[in-house]
Amino acid sequence: MAEEIRNPEVEQEQDGQQNQQEQESNNETQTPSVEEVMARAAQAEADAKKWKNEFDKQSSQIATLKKTVHSLQTAEQRKESEDQEAKEAYEAEHARLQEFERRTLAKERYLMQGMSVEMATKAADAEVQGDMDKLAEIQKQHTETTLKAARAEWQGSIKEVNFGVGEYSSMSKKEIMAIKDTAERQKAILQNRQLFGI
């Protein structure tokens, strides 16, 4: 038997050892040593110091330039700048007061239309802001509320129709219940059964 007998288990073990050795050699090239890590950290720290020094230098130059510009400004230029700031403040306050006046006048107008204070305030705000959709919605709500109140008042003013017969036929349920004499009240109730659901 000149041929060698091959054992599959031995071959797998040899292949596994060979793969492990290749991975270890790859890991050695990928994983930096402690010295390399320290060198990289030192370089990063040096770069950070360099950028901080550059930033400090630029900030110092900007501050110096600002001081120089301020010292070069004449008294007239400073007064001009102060006048400009005062004018801007005046215009802002004037605009605020005009808006307040428009809002107040609008609110009074809506109150005169019969809106509640809350609804009138919302309507005035919408008008001043130019939100016509919101204003239309508020006015629609006001109209519906007013119509409901008018309808309820009108229905309350309608007298109950009495279809009864006899001497008590023209009386309402309330008037019948107000009759003090029990016999007469019962007689009126019987003549007006439809009012009492009998």
N, C-alpha and C. Protein backbone atom coordinates (compact mmCIF):
# COMPACT_ATOMS: atom_id res chain seq x y z
N MET A 1 0.82 -1.15 0.00
CA MET A 1 0.00 0.00 0.00
C MET A 1 0.88 1.23 0.00
N ALA A 2 1.10 1.65 -1.22
CA ALA A 2 1.95 2.83 -1.35
C ALA A 2 1.17 4.10 -1.12
N GLU A 3 -0.13 4.03 -1.34
CA GLU A 3 -0.93 5.26 -1.12
C GLU A 3 -1.14 5.49 0.35
N GLU A 4 -1.18 6.78 0.63
CA GLU A 4 -1.38 7.20 2.02
C GLU A 4 -2.88 7.33 2.27
N ILE A 5 -3.34 6.87 3.42
CA ILE A 5 -4.77 6.99 3.75
C ILE A 5 -4.97 8.36 4.39
N ARG A 6 -5.97 9.04 3.86
CA ARG A 6 -6.25 10.42 4.36
C ARG A 6 -7.34 10.36 5.40
N ASN A 7 -7.13 11.11 6.44
CA ASN A 7 -8.10 11.21 7.53
C ASN A 7 -8.79 12.59 7.42
N PRO A 8 -10.12 12.65 7.20
CA PRO A 8 -10.81 13.94 7.03
C PRO A 8 -10.76 14.81 8.29
N GLU A 9 -10.76 14.22 9.45
CA GLU A 9 -10.73 14.99 10.69
C GLU A 9 -9.39 15.70 10.83
N VAL A 10 -8.34 15.04 10.51
CA VAL A 10 -7.00 15.63 10.60
C VAL A 10 -6.88 16.78 9.61
N GLU A 11 -7.43 16.60 8.42
CA GLU A 11 -7.37 17.66 7.41
C GLU A 11 -8.13 18.90 7.87
N GLN A 12 -9.32 18.72 8.47
CA GLN A 12 -10.10 19.85 8.97
C GLN A 12 -9.35 20.58 10.06
N GLU A 13 -8.72 19.84 10.94
CA GLU A 13 -7.96 20.45 12.03
C GLU A 13 -6.80 21.26 11.48
N GLN A 14 -6.11 20.75 10.46
CA GLN A 14 -4.99 21.47 9.87
C GLN A 14 -5.47 22.73 9.16
N ASP A 15 -6.62 22.63 8.45
CA ASP A 15 -7.19 23.81 7.79
C ASP A 15 -7.59 24.87 8.82
N GLY A 16 -8.17 24.43 9.95
CA GLY A 16 -8.58 25.36 11.01
C GLY A 16 -7.39 26.10 11.60
N GLN A 17 -6.28 25.37 11.79
CA GLN A 17 -5.07 26.00 12.34
C GLN A 17 -4.50 27.01 11.35
N GLN A 18 -4.55 26.68 10.11
CA GLN A 18 -4.03 27.58 9.09
C GLN A 18 -4.89 28.86 9.02
N ASN A 19 -6.22 28.72 9.08
CA ASN A 19 -7.12 29.89 9.07
C ASN A 19 -6.89 30.77 10.29
N GLN A 20 -6.69 30.12 11.44
CA GLN A 20 -6.46 30.86 12.68
C GLN A 20 -5.17 31.66 12.59
N GLN A 21 -4.14 31.09 12.03
CA GLN A 21 -2.86 31.80 11.88
C GLN A 21 -3.02 33.00 10.93
N GLU A 22 -3.82 32.84 9.86
CA GLU A 22 -4.04 33.94 8.93
C GLU A 22 -4.80 35.08 9.60
N GLN A 23 -5.83 34.74 10.41
CA GLN A 23 -6.60 35.76 11.12
C GLN A 23 -5.73 36.51 12.11
N GLU A 24 -4.88 35.76 12.82
CA GLU A 24 -3.99 36.41 13.79
C GLU A 24 -3.04 37.38 13.11
N SER A 25 -2.53 36.98 11.95
CA SER A 25 -1.61 37.89 11.24
C SER A 25 -2.36 39.11 10.72
N ASN A 26 -3.65 38.94 10.30
CA ASN A 26 -4.46 40.08 9.87
C ASN A 26 -4.78 41.00 11.04
N ASN A 27 -5.11 40.41 12.19
CA ASN A 27 -5.41 41.22 13.38
C ASN A 27 -4.20 42.03 13.81
N GLU A 28 -3.02 41.44 13.66
CA GLU A 28 -1.82 42.18 14.06
C GLU A 28 -1.64 43.40 13.18
N THR A 29 -2.01 43.32 11.93
CA THR A 29 -1.85 44.47 11.03
C THR A 29 -2.99 45.47 11.24
N GLN A 30 -4.17 45.04 11.68
CA GLN A 30 -5.31 45.94 11.88
C GLN A 30 -5.29 46.61 13.25
N THR A 31 -4.95 45.94 14.28
CA THR A 31 -4.96 46.48 15.64
C THR A 31 -3.67 47.25 15.89
N PRO A 32 -3.79 48.55 16.17
CA PRO A 32 -2.57 49.33 16.43
C PRO A 32 -2.00 48.99 17.81
N SER A 33 -0.73 49.20 17.92
CA SER A 33 -0.09 48.93 19.21
C SER A 33 -0.35 50.11 20.14
N VAL A 34 -0.01 49.91 21.41
CA VAL A 34 -0.20 50.96 22.42
C VAL A 34 0.61 52.19 22.04
N GLU A 35 1.80 52.00 21.52
CA GLU A 35 2.66 53.13 21.14
C GLU A 35 2.00 53.95 20.03
N GLU A 36 1.37 53.24 19.06
CA GLU A 36 0.71 53.94 17.98
C GLU A 36 -0.47 54.76 18.49
N VAL A 37 -1.26 54.15 19.39
CA VAL A 37 -2.41 54.85 19.97
C VAL A 37 -1.95 56.08 20.73
N MET A 38 -0.90 55.97 21.50
CA MET A 38 -0.35 57.10 22.26
C MET A 38 0.13 58.20 21.31
N ALA A 39 0.76 57.79 20.23
CA ALA A 39 1.26 58.77 19.26
C ALA A 39 0.10 59.51 18.60
N ARG A 40 -0.95 58.77 18.23
CA ARG A 40 -2.13 59.41 17.63
C ARG A 40 -2.79 60.38 18.61
N ALA A 41 -2.92 60.00 19.87
CA ALA A 41 -3.52 60.87 20.90
C ALA A 41 -2.68 62.13 21.08
N ALA A 42 -1.37 61.99 21.09
CA ALA A 42 -0.49 63.15 21.24
C ALA A 42 -0.65 64.08 20.04
N GLN A 43 -0.77 63.51 18.83
CA GLN A 43 -0.95 64.33 17.63
C GLN A 43 -2.29 65.08 17.67
N ALA A 44 -3.36 64.39 18.10
CA ALA A 44 -4.68 65.02 18.20
C ALA A 44 -4.65 66.16 19.21
N GLU A 45 -3.97 65.95 20.34
CA GLU A 45 -3.86 66.99 21.36
C GLU A 45 -3.08 68.19 20.82
N ALA A 46 -2.03 67.93 20.09
CA ALA A 46 -1.23 69.02 19.50
C ALA A 46 -2.07 69.80 18.49
N ASP A 47 -2.86 69.10 17.67
CA ASP A 47 -3.74 69.78 16.71
C ASP A 47 -4.78 70.65 17.41
N ALA A 48 -5.36 70.12 18.50
CA ALA A 48 -6.36 70.88 19.25
C ALA A 48 -5.76 72.16 19.83
N LYS A 49 -4.55 72.07 20.38
CA LYS A 49 -3.90 73.25 20.93
C LYS A 49 -3.62 74.26 19.82
N LYS A 50 -3.20 73.77 18.68
CA LYS A 50 -2.91 74.65 17.54
C LYS A 50 -4.17 75.42 17.13
N TRP A 51 -5.31 74.72 17.00
CA TRP A 51 -6.55 75.37 16.61
C TRP A 51 -7.05 76.34 17.67
N LYS A 52 -6.87 75.99 18.95
CA LYS A 52 -7.29 76.89 20.03
C LYS A 52 -6.46 78.16 20.00
N ASN A 53 -5.16 78.04 19.81
CA ASN A 53 -4.29 79.22 19.73
C ASN A 53 -4.70 80.11 18.55
N GLU A 54 -5.02 79.48 17.43
CA GLU A 54 -5.44 80.25 16.24
C GLU A 54 -6.76 80.98 16.51
N PHE A 55 -7.71 80.28 17.16
CA PHE A 55 -8.98 80.90 17.51
C PHE A 55 -8.79 82.08 18.46
N ASP A 56 -7.97 81.90 19.49
CA ASP A 56 -7.70 82.98 20.44
C ASP A 56 -7.07 84.18 19.74
N LYS A 57 -6.18 83.92 18.83
CA LYS A 57 -5.50 85.00 18.10
C LYS A 57 -6.52 85.79 17.26
N GLN A 58 -7.42 85.07 16.56
CA GLN A 58 -8.43 85.74 15.73
C GLN A 58 -9.41 86.53 16.60
N SER A 59 -9.81 85.97 17.72
CA SER A 59 -10.73 86.67 18.62
C SER A 59 -10.10 87.95 19.14
N SER A 60 -8.84 87.89 19.49
CA SER A 60 -8.13 89.06 19.98
C SER A 60 -8.06 90.14 18.90
N GLN A 61 -7.81 89.74 17.68
CA GLN A 61 -7.75 90.71 16.58
C GLN A 61 -9.11 91.38 16.35
N ILE A 62 -10.18 90.61 16.43
CA ILE A 62 -11.53 91.17 16.25
C ILE A 62 -11.83 92.17 17.36
N ALA A 63 -11.51 91.83 18.60
CA ALA A 63 -11.76 92.74 19.71
C ALA A 63 -10.97 94.04 19.53
N THR A 64 -9.72 93.93 19.10
CA THR A 64 -8.89 95.11 18.87
C THR A 64 -9.49 95.99 17.77
N LEU A 65 -9.98 95.36 16.70
CA LEU A 65 -10.60 96.12 15.61
C LEU A 65 -11.86 96.84 16.07
N LYS A 66 -12.66 96.19 16.89
CA LYS A 66 -13.88 96.82 17.41
C LYS A 66 -13.53 98.05 18.25
N LYS A 67 -12.53 97.92 19.10
CA LYS A 67 -12.10 99.06 19.93
C LYS A 67 -11.61 100.19 19.05
N THR A 68 -10.87 99.86 18.02
CA THR A 68 -10.33 100.88 17.12
C THR A 68 -11.47 101.61 16.40
N VAL A 69 -12.45 100.87 15.89
CA VAL A 69 -13.58 101.49 15.20
C VAL A 69 -14.33 102.41 16.15
N HIS A 70 -14.57 101.94 17.37
CA HIS A 70 -15.29 102.75 18.36
C HIS A 70 -14.52 104.03 18.70
N SER A 71 -13.22 103.93 18.82
CA SER A 71 -12.42 105.11 19.16
C SER A 71 -12.34 106.08 17.98
N LEU A 72 -12.45 105.56 16.75
CA LEU A 72 -12.39 106.41 15.57
C LEU A 72 -13.71 107.12 15.30
N GLN A 73 -14.81 106.62 15.87
CA GLN A 73 -16.10 107.26 15.69
C GLN A 73 -16.06 108.63 16.34
N THR A 74 -16.57 109.59 15.64
CA THR A 74 -16.61 110.94 16.20
C THR A 74 -17.84 111.06 17.08
N ALA A 75 -17.86 112.13 17.82
CA ALA A 75 -19.01 112.38 18.70
C ALA A 75 -20.27 112.53 17.86
N GLU A 76 -20.13 113.12 16.68
CA GLU A 76 -21.27 113.31 15.79
C GLU A 76 -21.82 111.96 15.32
N GLN A 77 -20.92 111.03 14.98
CA GLN A 77 -21.35 109.70 14.53
C GLN A 77 -22.03 108.94 15.67
N ARG A 78 -21.50 109.09 16.89
CA ARG A 78 -22.13 108.43 18.03
C ARG A 78 -23.53 108.99 18.25
N LYS A 79 -23.67 110.32 18.14
CA LYS A 79 -24.98 110.94 18.32
C LYS A 79 -25.94 110.47 17.23
N GLU A 80 -25.44 110.36 16.00
CA GLU A 80 -26.24 109.87 14.89
C GLU A 80 -26.75 108.46 15.17
N SER A 81 -25.86 107.62 15.66
CA SER A 81 -26.23 106.25 15.97
C SER A 81 -27.25 106.20 17.10
N GLU A 82 -27.09 107.02 18.12
CA GLU A 82 -28.06 107.08 19.23
C GLU A 82 -29.40 107.60 18.73
N ASP A 83 -29.38 108.62 17.86
CA ASP A 83 -30.62 109.16 17.30
C ASP A 83 -31.35 108.11 16.48
N GLN A 84 -30.60 107.33 15.72
CA GLN A 84 -31.19 106.27 14.90
C GLN A 84 -31.87 105.23 15.79
N GLU A 85 -31.21 104.83 16.88
CA GLU A 85 -31.79 103.86 17.82
C GLU A 85 -33.06 104.42 18.45
N ALA A 86 -33.03 105.72 18.82
CA ALA A 86 -34.21 106.36 19.43
C ALA A 86 -35.36 106.41 18.42
N LYS A 87 -35.04 106.71 17.16
CA LYS A 87 -36.07 106.77 16.12
C LYS A 87 -36.70 105.40 15.92
N GLU A 88 -35.90 104.36 15.87
CA GLU A 88 -36.42 103.00 15.71
C GLU A 88 -37.30 102.61 16.88
N ALA A 89 -36.91 102.98 18.10
CA ALA A 89 -37.72 102.68 19.28
C ALA A 89 -39.05 103.43 19.22
N TYR A 90 -39.01 104.70 18.78
CA TYR A 90 -40.23 105.51 18.65
C TYR A 90 -41.18 104.89 17.63
N GLU A 91 -40.63 104.49 16.47
CA GLU A 91 -41.46 103.91 15.42
C GLU A 91 -42.09 102.59 15.87
N ALA A 92 -41.34 101.80 16.62
CA ALA A 92 -41.88 100.53 17.13
C ALA A 92 -43.02 100.78 18.12
N GLU A 93 -42.84 101.76 19.00
CA GLU A 93 -43.89 102.09 19.98
C GLU A 93 -45.12 102.67 19.27
N HIS A 94 -44.88 103.52 18.26
CA HIS A 94 -45.97 104.12 17.50
C HIS A 94 -46.79 103.03 16.80
N ALA A 95 -46.11 102.07 16.19
CA ALA A 95 -46.79 100.96 15.51
C ALA A 95 -47.59 100.14 16.50
N ARG A 96 -47.03 99.91 17.69
CA ARG A 96 -47.74 99.13 18.72
C ARG A 96 -49.01 99.85 19.16
N LEU A 97 -48.92 101.18 19.34
CA LEU A 97 -50.09 101.95 19.76
C LEU A 97 -51.16 102.01 18.66
N GLN A 98 -50.74 102.10 17.41
CA GLN A 98 -51.71 102.09 16.31
C GLN A 98 -52.45 100.76 16.25
N GLU A 99 -51.73 99.68 16.44
CA GLU A 99 -52.38 98.36 16.44
C GLU A 99 -53.35 98.24 17.61
N PHE A 100 -52.95 98.74 18.78
CA PHE A 100 -53.82 98.71 19.95
C PHE A 100 -55.10 99.51 19.67
N GLU A 101 -54.96 100.69 19.04
CA GLU A 101 -56.12 101.52 18.73
C GLU A 101 -57.05 100.80 17.74
N ARG A 102 -56.48 100.20 16.68
CA ARG A 102 -57.30 99.47 15.71
C ARG A 102 -58.03 98.31 16.38
N ARG A 103 -57.34 97.61 17.26
CA ARG A 103 -57.94 96.47 17.95
C ARG A 103 -59.08 96.93 18.87
N THR A 104 -58.86 98.04 19.59
CA THR A 104 -59.87 98.56 20.51
C THR A 104 -61.11 99.03 19.76
N LEU A 105 -60.90 99.78 18.66
CA LEU A 105 -62.05 100.26 17.88
C LEU A 105 -62.83 99.10 17.28
N ALA A 106 -62.13 98.10 16.79
CA ALA A 106 -62.81 96.93 16.22
C ALA A 106 -63.60 96.20 17.29
N LYS A 107 -63.02 96.05 18.46
CA LYS A 107 -63.71 95.35 19.56
C LYS A 107 -64.98 96.10 19.95
N GLU A 108 -64.90 97.43 20.04
CA GLU A 108 -66.09 98.22 20.38
C GLU A 108 -67.17 98.05 19.31
N ARG A 109 -66.78 98.03 18.05
CA ARG A 109 -67.73 97.86 16.95
C ARG A 109 -68.44 96.51 17.07
N TYR A 110 -67.67 95.45 17.39
CA TYR A 110 -68.29 94.12 17.51
C TYR A 110 -69.16 94.02 18.76
N LEU A 111 -68.78 94.72 19.82
CA LEU A 111 -69.62 94.74 21.02
C LEU A 111 -70.95 95.42 20.72
N MET A 112 -70.91 96.48 19.90
CA MET A 112 -72.15 97.18 19.55
C MET A 112 -73.05 96.30 18.69
N GLN A 113 -72.50 95.33 18.00
CA GLN A 113 -73.29 94.39 17.20
C GLN A 113 -73.95 93.33 18.08
N GLY A 114 -73.59 93.32 19.36
CA GLY A 114 -74.21 92.38 20.29
C GLY A 114 -73.37 91.15 20.58
N MET A 115 -72.11 91.14 20.16
CA MET A 115 -71.24 89.99 20.45
C MET A 115 -70.86 90.00 21.92
N SER A 116 -70.55 88.81 22.45
CA SER A 116 -70.03 88.71 23.81
C SER A 116 -68.63 89.30 23.82
N VAL A 117 -68.13 89.64 25.02
CA VAL A 117 -66.81 90.26 25.13
C VAL A 117 -65.74 89.33 24.56
N GLU A 118 -65.82 88.05 24.88
CA GLU A 118 -64.83 87.08 24.39
C GLU A 118 -64.86 86.98 22.86
N MET A 119 -66.07 86.90 22.31
CA MET A 119 -66.20 86.77 20.86
C MET A 119 -65.75 88.05 20.15
N ALA A 120 -66.08 89.22 20.74
CA ALA A 120 -65.67 90.50 20.16
C ALA A 120 -64.15 90.64 20.17
N THR A 121 -63.51 90.17 21.24
CA THR A 121 -62.05 90.22 21.33
C THR A 121 -61.42 89.35 20.25
N LYS A 122 -61.94 88.14 20.08
CA LYS A 122 -61.41 87.24 19.04
C LYS A 122 -61.62 87.83 17.65
N ALA A 123 -62.79 88.43 17.42
CA ALA A 123 -63.08 89.02 16.11
C ALA A 123 -62.15 90.20 15.83
N ALA A 124 -61.90 91.03 16.84
CA ALA A 124 -61.01 92.18 16.67
C ALA A 124 -59.58 91.71 16.39
N ASP A 125 -59.13 90.70 17.09
CA ASP A 125 -57.78 90.15 16.85
C ASP A 125 -57.67 89.63 15.42
N ALA A 126 -58.69 88.90 14.97
CA ALA A 126 -58.66 88.36 13.61
C ALA A 126 -58.65 89.48 12.57
N GLU A 127 -59.42 90.54 12.83
CA GLU A 127 -59.46 91.67 11.89
C GLU A 127 -58.11 92.36 11.80
N VAL A 128 -57.49 92.62 12.96
CA VAL A 128 -56.20 93.32 12.98
C VAL A 128 -55.12 92.47 12.32
N GLN A 129 -55.17 91.16 12.51
CA GLN A 129 -54.17 90.25 11.92
C GLN A 129 -54.45 89.98 10.44
N GLY A 130 -55.64 90.38 9.97
CA GLY A 130 -55.98 90.17 8.56
C GLY A 130 -56.44 88.76 8.26
N ASP A 131 -56.85 88.01 9.28
CA ASP A 131 -57.32 86.63 9.10
C ASP A 131 -58.83 86.66 8.83
N MET A 132 -59.19 86.86 7.58
CA MET A 132 -60.60 87.03 7.21
C MET A 132 -61.40 85.72 7.34
N ASP A 133 -60.76 84.58 7.17
CA ASP A 133 -61.46 83.30 7.33
C ASP A 133 -61.91 83.13 8.78
N LYS A 134 -61.01 83.43 9.71
CA LYS A 134 -61.35 83.31 11.13
C LYS A 134 -62.44 84.32 11.49
N LEU A 135 -62.34 85.54 10.96
CA LEU A 135 -63.33 86.58 11.23
C LEU A 135 -64.71 86.15 10.72
N ALA A 136 -64.76 85.58 9.51
CA ALA A 136 -66.02 85.12 8.95
C ALA A 136 -66.63 84.01 9.80
N GLU A 137 -65.79 83.12 10.30
CA GLU A 137 -66.27 82.03 11.17
C GLU A 137 -66.86 82.59 12.47
N ILE A 138 -66.19 83.57 13.06
CA ILE A 138 -66.68 84.18 14.30
C ILE A 138 -68.00 84.88 14.05
N GLN A 139 -68.11 85.61 12.95
CA GLN A 139 -69.37 86.30 12.64
C GLN A 139 -70.50 85.31 12.37
N LYS A 140 -70.17 84.18 11.75
CA LYS A 140 -71.17 83.14 11.52
C LYS A 140 -71.68 82.58 12.86
N GLN A 141 -70.75 82.32 13.78
CA GLN A 141 -71.14 81.83 15.12
C GLN A 141 -72.03 82.84 15.82
N HIS A 142 -71.68 84.13 15.71
CA HIS A 142 -72.49 85.19 16.35
C HIS A 142 -73.89 85.22 15.76
N THR A 143 -73.99 85.11 14.43
CA THR A 143 -75.29 85.14 13.77
C THR A 143 -76.15 83.95 14.22
N GLU A 144 -75.55 82.77 14.28
CA GLU A 144 -76.29 81.58 14.72
C GLU A 144 -76.77 81.73 16.16
N THR A 145 -75.91 82.26 17.02
CA THR A 145 -76.28 82.46 18.42
C THR A 145 -77.43 83.45 18.54
N THR A 146 -77.34 84.53 17.78
CA THR A 146 -78.39 85.56 17.81
C THR A 146 -79.71 84.99 17.31
N LEU A 147 -79.67 84.21 16.23
CA LEU A 147 -80.90 83.62 15.69
C LEU A 147 -81.53 82.63 16.68
N LYS A 148 -80.68 81.82 17.34
CA LYS A 148 -81.21 80.87 18.33
C LYS A 148 -81.91 81.61 19.48
N ALA A 149 -81.27 82.68 19.95
CA ALA A 149 -81.87 83.45 21.05
C ALA A 149 -83.18 84.09 20.61
N ALA A 150 -83.23 84.65 19.39
CA ALA A 150 -84.46 85.28 18.89
C ALA A 150 -85.56 84.24 18.72
N ARG A 151 -85.19 83.05 18.20
CA ARG A 151 -86.17 81.98 18.00
C ARG A 151 -86.74 81.53 19.35
N ALA A 152 -85.87 81.38 20.35
CA ALA A 152 -86.34 80.96 21.67
C ALA A 152 -87.26 82.01 22.28
N GLU A 153 -86.92 83.28 22.11
CA GLU A 153 -87.77 84.36 22.64
C GLU A 153 -89.12 84.37 21.94
N TRP A 154 -89.10 84.20 20.62
CA TRP A 154 -90.34 84.20 19.86
C TRP A 154 -91.22 83.03 20.27
N GLN A 155 -90.62 81.83 20.41
CA GLN A 155 -91.40 80.66 20.79
C GLN A 155 -91.96 80.81 22.21
N GLY A 156 -91.21 81.49 23.06
CA GLY A 156 -91.70 81.70 24.42
C GLY A 156 -92.86 82.67 24.48
N SER A 157 -92.93 83.56 23.49
CA SER A 157 -94.00 84.57 23.51
C SER A 157 -95.30 84.04 22.91
N ILE A 158 -95.25 82.90 22.22
CA ILE A 158 -96.47 82.34 21.62
C ILE A 158 -97.32 81.72 22.71
N LYS A 159 -98.57 82.11 22.74
CA LYS A 159 -99.49 81.59 23.74
C LYS A 159 -99.94 80.20 23.33
N GLU A 160 -100.12 79.32 24.31
CA GLU A 160 -100.59 77.96 24.03
C GLU A 160 -101.98 78.03 23.42
N VAL A 161 -102.16 77.27 22.36
CA VAL A 161 -103.45 77.22 21.70
C VAL A 161 -104.32 76.20 22.44
N ASN A 162 -105.50 76.62 22.79
CA ASN A 162 -106.41 75.75 23.54
C ASN A 162 -107.57 75.38 22.63
N PHE A 163 -107.70 74.10 22.37
CA PHE A 163 -108.78 73.62 21.51
C PHE A 163 -109.95 73.05 22.33
N GLY A 164 -110.00 73.39 23.61
CA GLY A 164 -111.06 72.86 24.47
C GLY A 164 -112.42 73.45 24.14
N VAL A 165 -113.43 72.88 24.79
CA VAL A 165 -114.80 73.34 24.59
C VAL A 165 -115.38 73.73 25.93
N GLY A 166 -116.28 74.67 25.92
CA GLY A 166 -116.92 75.07 27.15
C GLY A 166 -116.38 76.39 27.65
N GLU A 167 -116.79 76.71 28.89
CA GLU A 167 -116.44 78.03 29.42
C GLU A 167 -114.94 78.18 29.71
N TYR A 168 -114.19 77.11 29.85
CA TYR A 168 -112.75 77.18 30.14
C TYR A 168 -111.88 76.97 28.89
N SER A 169 -112.49 77.00 27.71
CA SER A 169 -111.76 76.68 26.49
C SER A 169 -110.71 77.73 26.11
N SER A 170 -110.83 78.93 26.58
CA SER A 170 -109.87 79.98 26.20
C SER A 170 -108.70 80.08 27.19
N MET A 171 -108.65 79.19 28.17
CA MET A 171 -107.61 79.27 29.21
C MET A 171 -106.40 78.41 28.84
N SER A 172 -105.23 78.86 29.35
CA SER A 172 -104.01 78.08 29.16
C SER A 172 -103.85 77.10 30.32
N LYS A 173 -102.92 76.19 30.18
CA LYS A 173 -102.66 75.20 31.23
C LYS A 173 -102.28 75.89 32.53
N LYS A 174 -101.48 76.92 32.44
CA LYS A 174 -101.03 77.67 33.62
C LYS A 174 -102.21 78.35 34.32
N GLU A 175 -103.10 78.92 33.52
CA GLU A 175 -104.27 79.60 34.09
C GLU A 175 -105.20 78.60 34.76
N ILE A 176 -105.34 77.42 34.14
CA ILE A 176 -106.21 76.39 34.72
C ILE A 176 -105.65 75.93 36.06
N MET A 177 -104.33 75.72 36.13
CA MET A 177 -103.73 75.25 37.38
C MET A 177 -103.78 76.33 38.47
N ALA A 178 -104.00 77.56 38.06
CA ALA A 178 -104.08 78.65 39.04
C ALA A 178 -105.47 78.78 39.66
N ILE A 179 -106.47 78.04 39.17
CA ILE A 179 -107.82 78.09 39.74
C ILE A 179 -107.78 77.48 41.14
N LYS A 180 -108.26 78.22 42.13
CA LYS A 180 -108.15 77.78 43.51
C LYS A 180 -109.21 76.72 43.88
N ASP A 181 -110.37 76.85 43.34
CA ASP A 181 -111.43 75.91 43.66
C ASP A 181 -111.13 74.58 42.96
N THR A 182 -111.01 73.51 43.72
CA THR A 182 -110.62 72.21 43.21
C THR A 182 -111.63 71.68 42.21
N ALA A 183 -112.91 71.82 42.48
CA ALA A 183 -113.95 71.29 41.60
C ALA A 183 -113.93 72.03 40.27
N GLU A 184 -113.77 73.34 40.33
CA GLU A 184 -113.72 74.13 39.09
C GLU A 184 -112.46 73.78 38.29
N ARG A 185 -111.34 73.62 38.98
CA ARG A 185 -110.08 73.27 38.32
C ARG A 185 -110.24 71.93 37.61
N GLN A 186 -110.86 70.91 38.29
CA GLN A 186 -111.06 69.61 37.67
C GLN A 186 -111.99 69.70 36.47
N LYS A 187 -113.00 70.54 36.57
CA LYS A 187 -113.93 70.74 35.47
C LYS A 187 -113.19 71.34 34.26
N ALA A 188 -112.30 72.34 34.53
CA ALA A 188 -111.52 72.99 33.45
C ALA A 188 -110.54 71.99 32.83
N ILE A 189 -109.95 71.15 33.68
CA ILE A 189 -109.01 70.14 33.17
C ILE A 189 -109.72 69.17 32.25
N LEU A 190 -110.93 68.73 32.63
CA LEU A 190 -111.68 67.80 31.80
C LEU A 190 -112.10 68.41 30.49
N GLN A 191 -112.38 69.71 30.49
CA GLN A 191 -112.77 70.39 29.24
C GLN A 191 -111.56 70.64 28.33
N ASN A 192 -110.37 70.60 28.90
CA ASN A 192 -109.13 70.85 28.12
C ASN A 192 -108.17 69.70 28.25
N ARG A 193 -108.65 68.50 27.97
CA ARG A 193 -107.85 67.29 28.13
C ARG A 193 -106.58 67.30 27.28
N GLN A 194 -106.65 67.88 26.09
CA GLN A 194 -105.46 67.88 25.20
C GLN A 194 -104.29 68.63 25.84
N LEU A 195 -104.55 69.62 26.69
CA LEU A 195 -103.47 70.36 27.35
C LEU A 195 -102.76 69.48 28.38
N PHE A 196 -103.47 68.55 28.96
CA PHE A 196 -102.90 67.72 30.02
C PHE A 196 -102.59 66.30 29.59
N GLY A 197 -102.79 66.01 28.31
CA GLY A 197 -102.45 64.70 27.79
C GLY A 197 -103.38 63.61 28.29
N ILE A 198 -104.63 63.92 28.55
CA ILE A 198 -105.58 62.95 29.07
C ILE A 198 -106.42 62.41 27.92
